[in-house]
Amino acid sequence: MVLRLHTREGVGSQMIRNRSDVRQYSNQAAYDCAERQRLASDFTSALRDLVDLQNDQIRAVIKHDPDFARFDILLHLAVQKKQETKYALMKHMEAHGCE
């Protein structure tokens, strides 16, 4: 079975003949998907922010800072942001077929 796909070059310029062709096209489509790239960037940024806050709190504890708990609300907000960006990326990947 041969599938003809709509691509930037037009109908039929990309032909799919087997499962490995489907995976290769899917991987290329995911790479080319600007929305997926943006959402992945948002997610990695949220992860970095969370890790930075965790490191700040660890440093505060090591330095015997009595106010080390001040990071708790910031960590809570960072975890929420990480979850929001992760699920936005997952939702897009599922709906759009990106991997």
Foldseek 3Di string as FASTA:
>chain_A
DKDWDQDPVGTRPQIDDDDVSVVVVQAVVLVVDPVLVVLVVQLVVLVVQLVVLVVVLVVCVVVVPVVSCVSVVVNVVSVVSNVVSVVVSVVCCVVVVHD
